PDB file of N, CA and C in Angstrom:
ATOM      1  N   UNK A   1      34.809  40.724   2.557  1.00  0.00           N
ATOM      2  CA  UNK A   1      34.029  40.761   1.371  1.00  0.00           C
ATOM      3  C   UNK A   1      34.933  40.908   0.185  1.00  0.00           C
ATOM      4  N   UNK A   2      34.459  40.465  -0.950  1.00  0.00           N
ATOM      5  CA  UNK A   2      35.264  40.486  -2.161  1.00  0.00           C
ATOM      6  C   UNK A   2      34.615  41.395  -3.197  1.00  0.00           C
ATOM      7  N   UNK A   3      35.383  42.357  -3.664  1.00  0.00           N
ATOM      8  CA  UNK A   3      34.924  43.264  -4.711  1.00  0.00           C
ATOM      9  C   UNK A   3      35.428  42.728  -6.043  1.00  0.00           C
ATOM     10  N   UNK A   4      34.573  42.662  -7.073  1.00  0.00           N
ATOM     11  CA  UNK A   4      34.979  42.078  -8.338  1.00  0.00           C
ATOM     12  C   UNK A   4      36.271  42.669  -8.913  1.00  0.00           C
ATOM     13  N   UNK A   5      36.431  43.977  -8.822  1.00  0.00           N
ATOM     14  CA  UNK A   5      37.611  44.614  -9.414  1.00  0.00           C
ATOM     15  C   UNK A   5      38.875  44.498  -8.568  1.00  0.00           C
ATOM     16  N   UNK A   6      38.737  44.208  -7.249  1.00  0.00           N
ATOM     17  CA  UNK A   6      39.902  44.245  -6.373  1.00  0.00           C
ATOM     18  C   UNK A   6      40.188  42.972  -5.628  1.00  0.00           C
ATOM     19  N   UNK A   7      39.208  42.134  -5.388  1.00  0.00           N
ATOM     20  CA  UNK A   7      39.410  40.944  -4.569  1.00  0.00           C
ATOM     21  C   UNK A   7      39.031  41.203  -3.133  1.00  0.00           C
ATOM     22  N   UNK A   8      39.547  40.372  -2.251  1.00  0.00           N
ATOM     23  CA  UNK A   8      39.150  40.401  -0.837  1.00  0.00           C
ATOM     24  C   UNK A   8      39.706  41.636  -0.119  1.00  0.00           C
ATOM     25  N   UNK A   9      38.860  42.193   0.746  1.00  0.00           N
ATOM     26  CA  UNK A   9      39.247  43.354   1.542  1.00  0.00           C
ATOM     27  C   UNK A   9      38.319  43.502   2.729  1.00  0.00           C
ATOM     28  N   UNK A  10      38.481  44.593   3.439  1.00  0.00           N
ATOM     29  CA  UNK A  10      37.657  44.872   4.611  1.00  0.00           C
ATOM     30  C   UNK A  10      36.474  45.756   4.220  1.00  0.00           C
ATOM     31  N   UNK A  11      35.474  45.761   5.049  1.00  0.00           N
ATOM     32  CA  UNK A  11      34.320  46.644   4.853  1.00  0.00           C
ATOM     33  C   UNK A  11      34.813  48.077   4.964  1.00  0.00           C
ATOM     34  N   UNK A  12      34.292  48.952   4.104  1.00  0.00           N
ATOM     35  CA  UNK A  12      34.686  50.345   4.180  1.00  0.00           C
ATOM     36  C   UNK A  12      33.813  51.215   3.320  1.00  0.00           C
ATOM     37  N   UNK A  13      33.920  52.516   3.500  1.00  0.00           N
ATOM     38  CA  UNK A  13      33.133  53.421   2.710  1.00  0.00           C
ATOM     39  C   UNK A  13      33.320  54.867   3.149  1.00  0.00           C
ATOM     40  N   UNK A  14      32.462  55.717   2.628  1.00  0.00           N
ATOM     41  CA  UNK A  14      32.573  57.138   2.869  1.00  0.00           C
ATOM     42  C   UNK A  14      31.380  57.624   3.696  1.00  0.00           C
ATOM     43  N   UNK A  15      31.656  58.592   4.572  1.00  0.00           N
ATOM     44  CA  UNK A  15      30.625  59.158   5.420  1.00  0.00           C
ATOM     45  C   UNK A  15      29.713  60.037   4.560  1.00  0.00           C
ATOM     46  N   UNK A  16      28.411  59.802   4.693  1.00  0.00           N
ATOM     47  CA  UNK A  16      27.417  60.611   3.994  1.00  0.00           C
ATOM     48  C   UNK A  16      27.214  61.916   4.743  1.00  0.00           C
ATOM     49  N   UNK A  17      26.638  62.912   4.072  1.00  0.00           N
ATOM     50  CA  UNK A  17      26.331  64.191   4.720  1.00  0.00           C
ATOM     51  C   UNK A  17      25.405  63.941   5.902  1.00  0.00           C
ATOM     52  N   UNK A  18      25.686  64.560   7.024  1.00  0.00           N
ATOM     53  CA  UNK A  18      24.956  64.474   8.281  1.00  0.00           C
ATOM     54  C   UNK A  18      24.995  63.098   8.931  1.00  0.00           C
ATOM     55  N   UNK A  19      25.963  62.288   8.546  1.00  0.00           N
ATOM     56  CA  UNK A  19      26.131  60.941   9.136  1.00  0.00           C
ATOM     57  C   UNK A  19      27.417  60.962   9.979  1.00  0.00           C
ATOM     58  N   UNK A  20      27.385  60.327  11.141  1.00  0.00           N
ATOM     59  CA  UNK A  20      28.577  60.231  11.974  1.00  0.00           C
ATOM     60  C   UNK A  20      29.447  59.101  11.429  1.00  0.00           C
ATOM     61  N   UNK A  21      30.727  59.080  11.760  1.00  0.00           N
ATOM     62  CA  UNK A  21      31.578  57.958  11.347  1.00  0.00           C
ATOM     63  C   UNK A  21      31.043  56.612  11.841  1.00  0.00           C
ATOM     64  N   UNK A  22      30.499  56.593  13.049  1.00  0.00           N
ATOM     65  CA  UNK A  22      29.953  55.333  13.596  1.00  0.00           C
ATOM     66  C   UNK A  22      28.734  54.878  12.785  1.00  0.00           C
ATOM     67  N   UNK A  23      27.860  55.807  12.442  1.00  0.00           N
ATOM     68  CA  UNK A  23      26.701  55.466  11.613  1.00  0.00           C
ATOM     69  C   UNK A  23      27.146  54.961  10.243  1.00  0.00           C
ATOM     70  N   UNK A  24      28.188  55.571   9.705  1.00  0.00           N
ATOM     71  CA  UNK A  24      28.739  55.126   8.425  1.00  0.00           C
ATOM     72  C   UNK A  24      29.245  53.688   8.529  1.00  0.00           C
ATOM     73  N   UNK A  25      29.972  53.379   9.589  1.00  0.00           N
ATOM     74  CA  UNK A  25      30.507  52.008   9.759  1.00  0.00           C
ATOM     75  C   UNK A  25      29.361  50.988   9.802  1.00  0.00           C
ATOM     76  N   UNK A  26      28.337  51.320  10.523  1.00  0.00           N
ATOM     77  CA  UNK A  26      27.175  50.403  10.619  1.00  0.00           C
ATOM     78  C   UNK A  26      26.462  50.246   9.272  1.00  0.00           C
ATOM     79  N   UNK A  27      26.276  51.360   8.561  1.00  0.00           N
ATOM     80  CA  UNK A  27      25.620  51.314   7.258  1.00  0.00           C
ATOM     81  C   UNK A  27      26.441  50.507   6.269  1.00  0.00           C
ATOM     82  N   UNK A  28      27.746  50.761   6.197  1.00  0.00           N
ATOM     83  CA  UNK A  28      28.591  50.049   5.258  1.00  0.00           C
ATOM     84  C   UNK A  28      28.628  48.556   5.582  1.00  0.00           C
ATOM     85  N   UNK A  29      28.649  48.202   6.861  1.00  0.00           N
ATOM     86  CA  UNK A  29      28.632  46.782   7.237  1.00  0.00           C
ATOM     87  C   UNK A  29      27.358  46.103   6.725  1.00  0.00           C
ATOM     88  N   UNK A  30      26.256  46.800   6.846  1.00  0.00           N
ATOM     89  CA  UNK A  30      24.990  46.242   6.355  1.00  0.00           C
ATOM     90  C   UNK A  30      24.971  46.173   4.832  1.00  0.00           C
ATOM     91  N   UNK A  31      25.396  47.240   4.170  1.00  0.00           N
ATOM     92  CA  UNK A  31      25.379  47.281   2.711  1.00  0.00           C
ATOM     93  C   UNK A  31      26.344  46.276   2.087  1.00  0.00           C
ATOM     94  N   UNK A  32      27.546  46.161   2.634  1.00  0.00           N
ATOM     95  CA  UNK A  32      28.565  45.350   2.003  1.00  0.00           C
ATOM     96  C   UNK A  32      28.608  43.908   2.474  1.00  0.00           C
ATOM     97  N   UNK A  33      28.205  43.661   3.710  1.00  0.00           N
ATOM     98  CA  UNK A  33      28.324  42.296   4.253  1.00  0.00           C
ATOM     99  C   UNK A  33      27.029  41.734   4.841  1.00  0.00           C
ATOM    100  N   UNK A  34      25.974  42.553   4.844  1.00  0.00           N
ATOM    101  CA  UNK A  34      24.690  42.128   5.410  1.00  0.00           C
ATOM    102  C   UNK A  34      24.832  41.639   6.857  1.00  0.00           C
ATOM    103  N   UNK A  35      25.525  42.470   7.658  1.00  0.00           N
ATOM    104  CA  UNK A  35      25.686  42.155   9.086  1.00  0.00           C
ATOM    105  C   UNK A  35      25.341  43.389   9.912  1.00  0.00           C
ATOM    106  N   UNK A  36      24.872  43.137  11.122  1.00  0.00           N
ATOM    107  CA  UNK A  36      24.612  44.191  12.097  1.00  0.00           C
ATOM    108  C   UNK A  36      25.751  44.158  13.109  1.00  0.00           C
ATOM    109  N   UNK A  37      26.283  45.340  13.416  1.00  0.00           N
ATOM    110  CA  UNK A  37      27.403  45.440  14.348  1.00  0.00           C
ATOM    111  C   UNK A  37      26.940  45.768  15.762  1.00  0.00           C
ATOM    112  N   UNK A  38      27.709  45.277  16.745  1.00  0.00           N
ATOM    113  CA  UNK A  38      27.472  45.620  18.135  1.00  0.00           C
ATOM    114  C   UNK A  38      28.205  46.880  18.476  1.00  0.00           C
ATOM    115  N   UNK A  39      28.816  46.928  19.654  1.00  0.00           N
ATOM    116  CA  UNK A  39      29.573  48.104  20.086  1.00  0.00           C
ATOM    117  C   UNK A  39      30.774  48.312  19.169  1.00  0.00           C
ATOM    118  N   UNK A  40      30.977  49.549  18.784  1.00  0.00           N
ATOM    119  CA  UNK A  40      32.117  49.917  17.942  1.00  0.00           C
ATOM    120  C   UNK A  40      33.222  50.498  18.807  1.00  0.00           C
ATOM    121  N   UNK A  41      34.448  50.128  18.521  1.00  0.00           N
ATOM    122  CA  UNK A  41      35.622  50.680  19.193  1.00  0.00           C
ATOM    123  C   UNK A  41      36.547  51.254  18.132  1.00  0.00           C
ATOM    124  N   UNK A  42      36.834  52.544  18.255  1.00  0.00           N
ATOM    125  CA  UNK A  42      37.782  53.176  17.360  1.00  0.00           C
ATOM    126  C   UNK A  42      39.179  52.713  17.767  1.00  0.00           C
ATOM    127  N   UNK A  43      39.869  52.041  16.884  1.00  0.00           N
ATOM    128  CA  UNK A  43      41.188  51.498  17.238  1.00  0.00           C
ATOM    129  C   UNK A  43      42.339  52.168  16.508  1.00  0.00           C
ATOM    130  N   UNK A  44      42.017  53.065  15.591  1.00  0.00           N
ATOM    131  CA  UNK A  44      43.080  53.765  14.891  1.00  0.00           C
ATOM    132  C   UNK A  44      42.557  54.597  13.748  1.00  0.00           C
ATOM    133  N   UNK A  45      43.440  55.380  13.168  1.00  0.00           N
ATOM    134  CA  UNK A  45      43.111  56.154  11.984  1.00  0.00           C
ATOM    135  C   UNK A  45      44.427  56.475  11.260  1.00  0.00           C
ATOM    136  N   UNK A  46      44.302  56.829  10.008  1.00  0.00           N
ATOM    137  CA  UNK A  46      45.476  57.290   9.278  1.00  0.00           C
ATOM    138  C   UNK A  46      45.065  58.368   8.291  1.00  0.00           C
ATOM    139  N   UNK A  47      46.023  59.232   8.011  1.00  0.00           N
ATOM    140  CA  UNK A  47      45.850  60.358   7.089  1.00  0.00           C
ATOM    141  C   UNK A  47      46.267  59.877   5.721  1.00  0.00           C
ATOM    142  N   UNK A  48      45.471  60.256   4.727  1.00  0.00           N
ATOM    143  CA  UNK A  48      45.768  59.863   3.343  1.00  0.00           C
ATOM    144  C   UNK A  48      45.847  61.124   2.495  1.00  0.00           C
ATOM    145  N   UNK A  49      46.928  61.222   1.732  1.00  0.00           N
ATOM    146  CA  UNK A  49      47.060  62.310   0.787  1.00  0.00           C
ATOM    147  C   UNK A  49      47.251  61.707  -0.601  1.00  0.00           C
ATOM    148  N   UNK A  50      46.351  62.064  -1.500  1.00  0.00           N
ATOM    149  CA  UNK A  50      46.445  61.541  -2.872  1.00  0.00           C
ATOM    150  C   UNK A  50      47.540  62.297  -3.620  1.00  0.00           C
ATOM    151  N   UNK A  51      48.550  61.595  -4.081  1.00  0.00           N
ATOM    152  CA  UNK A  51      49.660  62.238  -4.780  1.00  0.00           C
ATOM    153  C   UNK A  51      49.576  62.043  -6.295  1.00  0.00           C
ATOM    154  N   UNK A  52      48.852  61.028  -6.725  1.00  0.00           N
ATOM    155  CA  UNK A  52      48.673  60.755  -8.157  1.00  0.00           C
ATOM    156  C   UNK A  52      47.179  60.481  -8.374  1.00  0.00           C
ATOM    157  N   UNK A  53      46.607  61.110  -9.355  1.00  0.00           N
ATOM    158  CA  UNK A  53      45.190  60.821  -9.677  1.00  0.00           C
ATOM    159  C   UNK A  53      45.149  59.782 -10.775  1.00  0.00           C
ATOM    160  N   UNK A  54      44.256  58.810 -10.592  1.00  0.00           N
ATOM    161  CA  UNK A  54      44.097  57.747 -11.569  1.00  0.00           C
ATOM    162  C   UNK A  54      42.606  57.479 -11.756  1.00  0.00           C
ATOM    163  N   UNK A  55      42.297  56.611 -12.677  1.00  0.00           N
ATOM    164  CA  UNK A  55      40.895  56.212 -12.899  1.00  0.00           C
ATOM    165  C   UNK A  55      40.313  55.626 -11.626  1.00  0.00           C
ATOM    166  N   UNK A  56      41.117  54.880 -10.876  1.00  0.00           N
ATOM    167  CA  UNK A  56      40.631  54.235  -9.650  1.00  0.00           C
ATOM    168  C   UNK A  56      40.322  55.232  -8.543  1.00  0.00           C
ATOM    169  N   UNK A  57      41.111  56.265  -8.391  1.00  0.00           N
ATOM    170  CA  UNK A  57      40.929  57.152  -7.229  1.00  0.00           C
ATOM    171  C   UNK A  57      40.390  58.543  -7.541  1.00  0.00           C
ATOM    172  N   UNK A  58      39.980  58.794  -8.770  1.00  0.00           N
ATOM    173  CA  UNK A  58      39.554  60.149  -9.131  1.00  0.00           C
ATOM    174  C   UNK A  58      38.337  60.657  -8.365  1.00  0.00           C
ATOM    175  N   UNK A  59      37.502  59.751  -7.862  1.00  0.00           N
ATOM    176  CA  UNK A  59      36.313  60.179  -7.117  1.00  0.00           C
ATOM    177  C   UNK A  59      36.603  60.486  -5.652  1.00  0.00           C
ATOM    178  N   UNK A  60      37.826  60.244  -5.199  1.00  0.00           N
ATOM    179  CA  UNK A  60      38.180  60.436  -3.791  1.00  0.00           C
ATOM    180  C   UNK A  60      38.793  61.812  -3.588  1.00  0.00           C
ATOM    181  N   UNK A  61      38.649  62.387  -2.379  1.00  0.00           N
ATOM    182  CA  UNK A  61      39.224  63.704  -2.088  1.00  0.00           C
ATOM    183  C   UNK A  61      40.757  63.631  -2.097  1.00  0.00           C
ATOM    184  N   UNK A  62      41.373  64.812  -2.244  1.00  0.00           N
ATOM    185  CA  UNK A  62      42.847  64.844  -2.274  1.00  0.00           C
ATOM    186  C   UNK A  62      43.458  64.578  -0.898  1.00  0.00           C
ATOM    187  N   UNK A  63      42.712  64.848   0.166  1.00  0.00           N
ATOM    188  CA  UNK A  63      43.162  64.571   1.529  1.00  0.00           C
ATOM    189  C   UNK A  63      42.000  63.977   2.317  1.00  0.00           C
ATOM    190  N   UNK A  64      42.298  63.004   3.171  1.00  0.00           N
ATOM    191  CA  UNK A  64      41.245  62.371   3.961  1.00  0.00           C
ATOM    192  C   UNK A  64      41.841  61.642   5.158  1.00  0.00           C
ATOM    193  N   UNK A  65      40.997  61.328   6.108  1.00  0.00           N
ATOM    194  CA  UNK A  65      41.346  60.448   7.210  1.00  0.00           C
ATOM    195  C   UNK A  65      40.537  59.166   7.079  1.00  0.00           C
ATOM    196  N   UNK A  66      41.169  58.040   7.300  1.00  0.00           N
ATOM    197  CA  UNK A  66      40.450  56.780   7.344  1.00  0.00           C
ATOM    198  C   UNK A  66      40.446  56.316   8.791  1.00  0.00           C
ATOM    199  N   UNK A  67      39.240  56.002   9.285  1.00  0.00           N
ATOM    200  CA  UNK A  67      39.084  55.525  10.661  1.00  0.00           C
ATOM    201  C   UNK A  67      38.972  54.015  10.650  1.00  0.00           C
ATOM    202  N   UNK A  68      39.541  53.394  11.657  1.00  0.00           N
ATOM    203  CA  UNK A  68      39.513  51.933  11.768  1.00  0.00           C
ATOM    204  C   UNK A  68      38.761  51.548  13.028  1.00  0.00           C
ATOM    205  N   UNK A  69      37.634  50.866  12.859  1.00  0.00           N
ATOM    206  CA  UNK A  69      36.815  50.408  13.967  1.00  0.00           C
ATOM    207  C   UNK A  69      36.882  48.899  14.077  1.00  0.00           C
ATOM    208  N   UNK A  70      36.693  48.408  15.274  1.00  0.00           N
ATOM    209  CA  UNK A  70      36.481  46.971  15.528  1.00  0.00           C
ATOM    210  C   UNK A  70      35.127  46.820  16.190  1.00  0.00           C
ATOM    211  N   UNK A  71      34.488  45.714  15.920  1.00  0.00           N
ATOM    212  CA  UNK A  71      33.182  45.445  16.502  1.00  0.00           C
ATOM    213  C   UNK A  71      32.884  43.958  16.433  1.00  0.00           C
ATOM    214  N   UNK A  72      31.993  43.542  17.285  1.00  0.00           N
ATOM    215  CA  UNK A  72      31.462  42.187  17.143  1.00  0.00           C
ATOM    216  C   UNK A  72      30.260  42.252  16.197  1.00  0.00           C
ATOM    217  N   UNK A  73      29.970  41.122  15.569  1.00  0.00           N
ATOM    218  CA  UNK A  73      28.804  41.035  14.703  1.00  0.00           C
ATOM    219  C   UNK A  73      27.661  40.466  15.543  1.00  0.00           C
ATOM    220  N   UNK A  74      26.548  41.195  15.568  1.00  0.00           N
ATOM    221  CA  UNK A  74      25.418  40.761  16.390  1.00  0.00           C
ATOM    222  C   UNK A  74      24.345  40.025  15.594  1.00  0.00           C
ATOM    223  N   UNK A  75      24.343  40.240  14.265  1.00  0.00           N
ATOM    224  CA  UNK A  75      23.349  39.566  13.434  1.00  0.00           C
ATOM    225  C   UNK A  75      23.920  39.374  12.033  1.00  0.00           C
ATOM    226  N   UNK A  76      23.768  38.164  11.522  1.00  0.00           N
ATOM    227  CA  UNK A  76      24.191  37.835  10.154  1.00  0.00           C
ATOM    228  C   UNK A  76      22.940  37.589   9.323  1.00  0.00           C
ATOM    229  N   UNK A  77      22.754  38.426   8.313  1.00  0.00           N
ATOM    230  CA  UNK A  77      21.603  38.324   7.422  1.00  0.00           C
ATOM    231  C   UNK A  77      22.013  37.591   6.148  1.00  0.00           C
ATOM    232  N   UNK A  78      21.020  37.200   5.372  1.00  0.00           N
ATOM    233  CA  UNK A  78      21.300  36.563   4.075  1.00  0.00           C
ATOM    234  C   UNK A  78      22.060  37.561   3.198  1.00  0.00           C
ATOM    235  N   UNK A  79      23.062  37.091   2.506  1.00  0.00           N
ATOM    236  CA  UNK A  79      23.883  37.917   1.624  1.00  0.00           C
ATOM    237  C   UNK A  79      23.530  37.628   0.181  1.00  0.00           C
ATOM    238  N   UNK A  80      23.333  38.671  -0.608  1.00  0.00           N
ATOM    239  CA  UNK A  80      23.062  38.530  -2.032  1.00  0.00           C
ATOM    240  C   UNK A  80      24.190  39.244  -2.778  1.00  0.00           C
ATOM    241  N   UNK A  81      24.996  38.517  -3.582  1.00  0.00           N
ATOM    242  CA  UNK A  81      26.043  39.174  -4.363  1.00  0.00           C
ATOM    243  C   UNK A  81      25.426  40.273  -5.279  1.00  0.00           C
ATOM    244  N   UNK A  82      26.233  41.293  -5.523  1.00  0.00           N
ATOM    245  CA  UNK A  82      25.793  42.377  -6.407  1.00  0.00           C
ATOM    246  C   UNK A  82      26.975  42.899  -7.197  1.00  0.00           C
ATOM    247  N   UNK A  83      26.762  43.994  -7.938  1.00  0.00           N
ATOM    248  CA  UNK A  83      27.850  44.504  -8.790  1.00  0.00           C
ATOM    249  C   UNK A  83      29.001  45.084  -7.999  1.00  0.00           C
ATOM    250  N   UNK A  84      28.790  45.413  -6.707  1.00  0.00           N
ATOM    251  CA  UNK A  84      29.873  45.976  -5.885  1.00  0.00           C
ATOM    252  C   UNK A  84      30.574  44.899  -5.070  1.00  0.00           C
ATOM    253  N   UNK A  85      29.831  43.964  -4.507  1.00  0.00           N
ATOM    254  CA  UNK A  85      30.378  42.917  -3.634  1.00  0.00           C
ATOM    255  C   UNK A  85      29.998  41.548  -4.187  1.00  0.00           C
ATOM    256  N   UNK A  86      30.993  40.747  -4.557  1.00  0.00           N
ATOM    257  CA  UNK A  86      30.678  39.441  -5.162  1.00  0.00           C
ATOM    258  C   UNK A  86      30.593  38.301  -4.151  1.00  0.00           C
ATOM    259  N   UNK A  87      31.287  38.426  -3.012  1.00  0.00           N
ATOM    260  CA  UNK A  87      31.295  37.364  -2.017  1.00  0.00           C
ATOM    261  C   UNK A  87      31.451  37.949  -0.616  1.00  0.00           C
ATOM    262  N   UNK A  88      30.945  37.183   0.354  1.00  0.00           N
ATOM    263  CA  UNK A  88      31.158  37.499   1.763  1.00  0.00           C
ATOM    264  C   UNK A  88      31.714  36.245   2.421  1.00  0.00           C
ATOM    265  N   UNK A  89      32.695  36.426   3.295  1.00  0.00           N
ATOM    266  CA  UNK A  89      33.256  35.294   4.016  1.00  0.00           C
ATOM    267  C   UNK A  89      33.681  35.727   5.398  1.00  0.00           C
ATOM    268  N   UNK A  90      33.593  34.795   6.333  1.00  0.00           N
ATOM    269  CA  UNK A  90      34.078  35.030   7.692  1.00  0.00           C
ATOM    270  C   UNK A  90      35.334  34.183   7.830  1.00  0.00           C
ATOM    271  N   UNK A  91      36.463  34.848   8.059  1.00  0.00           N
ATOM    272  CA  UNK A  91      37.769  34.160   8.050  1.00  0.00           C
ATOM    273  C   UNK A  91      38.446  34.233   9.401  1.00  0.00           C
ATOM    274  N   UNK A  92      39.195  33.230   9.691  1.00  0.00           N
ATOM    275  CA  UNK A  92      40.113  33.236  10.834  1.00  0.00           C
ATOM    276  C   UNK A  92      41.242  34.230  10.479  1.00  0.00           C
ATOM    277  N   UNK A  93      41.720  34.999  11.423  1.00  0.00           N
ATOM    278  CA  UNK A  93      42.796  35.948  11.124  1.00  0.00           C
ATOM    279  C   UNK A  93      43.987  35.345  10.372  1.00  0.00           C
ATOM    280  N   UNK A  94      44.294  34.081  10.616  1.00  0.00           N
ATOM    281  CA  UNK A  94      45.416  33.465   9.910  1.00  0.00           C
ATOM    282  C   UNK A  94      45.199  33.396   8.384  1.00  0.00           C
ATOM    283  N   UNK A  95      43.969  33.440   7.943  1.00  0.00           N
ATOM    284  CA  UNK A  95      43.645  33.376   6.514  1.00  0.00           C
ATOM    285  C   UNK A  95      43.664  34.730   5.821  1.00  0.00           C
ATOM    286  N   UNK A  96      43.453  35.784   6.598  1.00  0.00           N
ATOM    287  CA  UNK A  96      43.208  37.104   6.005  1.00  0.00           C
ATOM    288  C   UNK A  96      44.349  37.586   5.133  1.00  0.00           C
ATOM    289  N   UNK A  97      45.584  37.541   5.628  1.00  0.00           N
ATOM    290  CA  UNK A  97      46.695  38.092   4.859  1.00  0.00           C
ATOM    291  C   UNK A  97      46.887  37.379   3.524  1.00  0.00           C
ATOM    292  N   UNK A  98      46.637  36.078   3.495  1.00  0.00           N
ATOM    293  CA  UNK A  98      46.840  35.355   2.230  1.00  0.00           C
ATOM    294  C   UNK A  98      45.768  35.691   1.200  1.00  0.00           C
ATOM    295  N   UNK A  99      44.656  36.276   1.609  1.00  0.00           N
ATOM    296  CA  UNK A  99      43.574  36.579   0.688  1.00  0.00           C
ATOM    297  C   UNK A  99      43.381  38.063   0.402  1.00  0.00           C
ATOM    298  N   UNK A 100      43.899  38.929   1.252  1.00  0.00           N
ATOM    299  CA  UNK A 100      43.668  40.363   1.086  1.00  0.00           C
ATOM    300  C   UNK A 100      44.251  40.848  -0.252  1.00  0.00           C
ATOM    301  N   UNK A 101      43.488  41.677  -0.951  1.00  0.00           N
ATOM    302  CA  UNK A 101      43.896  42.121  -2.288  1.00  0.00           C
ATOM    303  C   UNK A 101      45.115  43.032  -2.293  1.00  0.00           C
ATOM    304  N   UNK A 102      45.407  43.658  -1.182  1.00  0.00           N
ATOM    305  CA  UNK A 102      46.521  44.599  -1.118  1.00  0.00           C
ATOM    306  C   UNK A 102      47.386  44.267   0.082  1.00  0.00           C
ATOM    307  N   UNK A 103      47.932  43.065   0.067  1.00  0.00           N
ATOM    308  CA  UNK A 103      48.617  42.529   1.240  1.00  0.00           C
ATOM    309  C   UNK A 103      49.745  43.418   1.730  1.00  0.00           C
ATOM    310  N   UNK A 104      50.549  43.930   0.839  1.00  0.00           N
ATOM    311  CA  UNK A 104      51.714  44.699   1.252  1.00  0.00           C
ATOM    312  C   UNK A 104      51.299  45.935   2.065  1.00  0.00           C
ATOM    313  N   UNK A 105      50.309  46.686   1.592  1.00  0.00           N
ATOM    314  CA  UNK A 105      49.863  47.862   2.327  1.00  0.00           C
ATOM    315  C   UNK A 105      49.062  47.507   3.561  1.00  0.00           C
ATOM    316  N   UNK A 106      48.392  46.372   3.556  1.00  0.00           N
ATOM    317  CA  UNK A 106      47.534  45.948   4.666  1.00  0.00           C
ATOM    318  C   UNK A 106      48.338  45.355   5.813  1.00  0.00           C
ATOM    319  N   UNK A 107      49.548  44.905   5.556  1.00  0.00           N
ATOM    320  CA  UNK A 107      50.348  44.199   6.568  1.00  0.00           C
ATOM    321  C   UNK A 107      50.472  44.978   7.863  1.00  0.00           C
ATOM    322  N   UNK A 108      50.802  46.248   7.803  1.00  0.00           N
ATOM    323  CA  UNK A 108      50.981  47.037   9.004  1.00  0.00           C
ATOM    324  C   UNK A 108      49.675  47.166   9.790  1.00  0.00           C
ATOM    325  N   UNK A 109      48.564  47.401   9.078  1.00  0.00           N
ATOM    326  CA  UNK A 109      47.258  47.497   9.750  1.00  0.00           C
ATOM    327  C   UNK A 109      46.918  46.159  10.407  1.00  0.00           C
ATOM    328  N   UNK A 110      47.143  45.089   9.696  1.00  0.00           N
ATOM    329  CA  UNK A 110      46.839  43.733  10.223  1.00  0.00           C
ATOM    330  C   UNK A 110      47.669  43.467  11.467  1.00  0.00           C
ATOM    331  N   UNK A 111      48.930  43.749  11.427  1.00  0.00           N
ATOM    332  CA  UNK A 111      49.805  43.498  12.602  1.00  0.00           C
ATOM    333  C   UNK A 111      49.328  44.309  13.797  1.00  0.00           C
ATOM    334  N   UNK A 112      48.934  45.543  13.568  1.00  0.00           N
ATOM    335  CA  UNK A 112      48.414  46.399  14.648  1.00  0.00           C
ATOM    336  C   UNK A 112      47.151  45.793  15.234  1.00  0.00           C
ATOM    337  N   UNK A 113      46.225  45.371  14.383  1.00  0.00           N
ATOM    338  CA  UNK A 113      44.985  44.777  14.863  1.00  0.00           C
ATOM    339  C   UNK A 113      45.244  43.522  15.679  1.00  0.00           C
ATOM    340  N   UNK A 114      46.172  42.704  15.246  1.00  0.00           N
ATOM    341  CA  UNK A 114      46.437  41.453  15.963  1.00  0.00           C
ATOM    342  C   UNK A 114      47.032  41.725  17.349  1.00  0.00           C
ATOM    343  N   UNK A 115      47.720  42.861  17.483  1.00  0.00           N
ATOM    344  CA  UNK A 115      48.267  43.217  18.802  1.00  0.00           C
ATOM    345  C   UNK A 115      47.194  43.647  19.767  1.00  0.00           C
ATOM    346  N   UNK A 116      46.088  44.214  19.257  1.00  0.00           N
ATOM    347  CA  UNK A 116      45.087  44.767  20.166  1.00  0.00           C
ATOM    348  C   UNK A 116      43.817  43.902  20.280  1.00  0.00           C
ATOM    349  N   UNK A 117      43.678  42.905  19.439  1.00  0.00           N
ATOM    350  CA  UNK A 117      42.477  42.083  19.450  1.00  0.00           C
ATOM    351  C   UNK A 117      42.850  40.652  19.829  1.00  0.00           C
ATOM    352  N   UNK A 118      42.083  40.076  20.698  1.00  0.00           N
ATOM    353  CA  UNK A 118      42.252  38.669  21.019  1.00  0.00           C
ATOM    354  C   UNK A 118      41.220  37.889  20.209  1.00  0.00           C
ATOM    355  N   UNK A 119      41.637  36.768  19.662  1.00  0.00           N
ATOM    356  CA  UNK A 119      40.691  35.944  18.885  1.00  0.00           C
ATOM    357  C   UNK A 119      40.895  34.492  19.267  1.00  0.00           C
ATOM    358  N   UNK A 120      39.888  33.696  18.943  1.00  0.00           N
ATOM    359  CA  UNK A 120      39.987  32.268  19.243  1.00  0.00           C
ATOM    360  C   UNK A 120      39.973  31.477  17.955  1.00  0.00           C
TER     361      UNK A 120
END
C-alpha cells in the first residue's frame, strides 16, 4: 500500500487496548489494504528505541517491539483510496525493493523474508 506522505510500504499499525497482536494484524490488513488474512505466522520481531523525536515520530512510544507476520490473503475486497492510503498493489517480490519508500532500512527485513518464504 502507498501512503501519500511516505510512498510504498507494508501494512502495519499499533495494537489497540485489549487487542492481541494477531487481531491487530488482521484489522490493519482490512483497514489499509481491504484484505482478509488466513493463518498468521510470526516470522520475526525487532526492538525499536526512539533516539530523536521529530514531527513524524512524536506520537510513537520511546521504546517498542515491531512484530513481523506472514499470511496468505483469503479475500480481496474493493479498495477505496483515503487520506491515509492512496493506493493498493499486489507485487511480485522482485518489484518490492524498487518501490519501497525506505529501501535502505527495509533491505535486511526483505532479505530475511525471502529466505523463509517461497514464492512463485
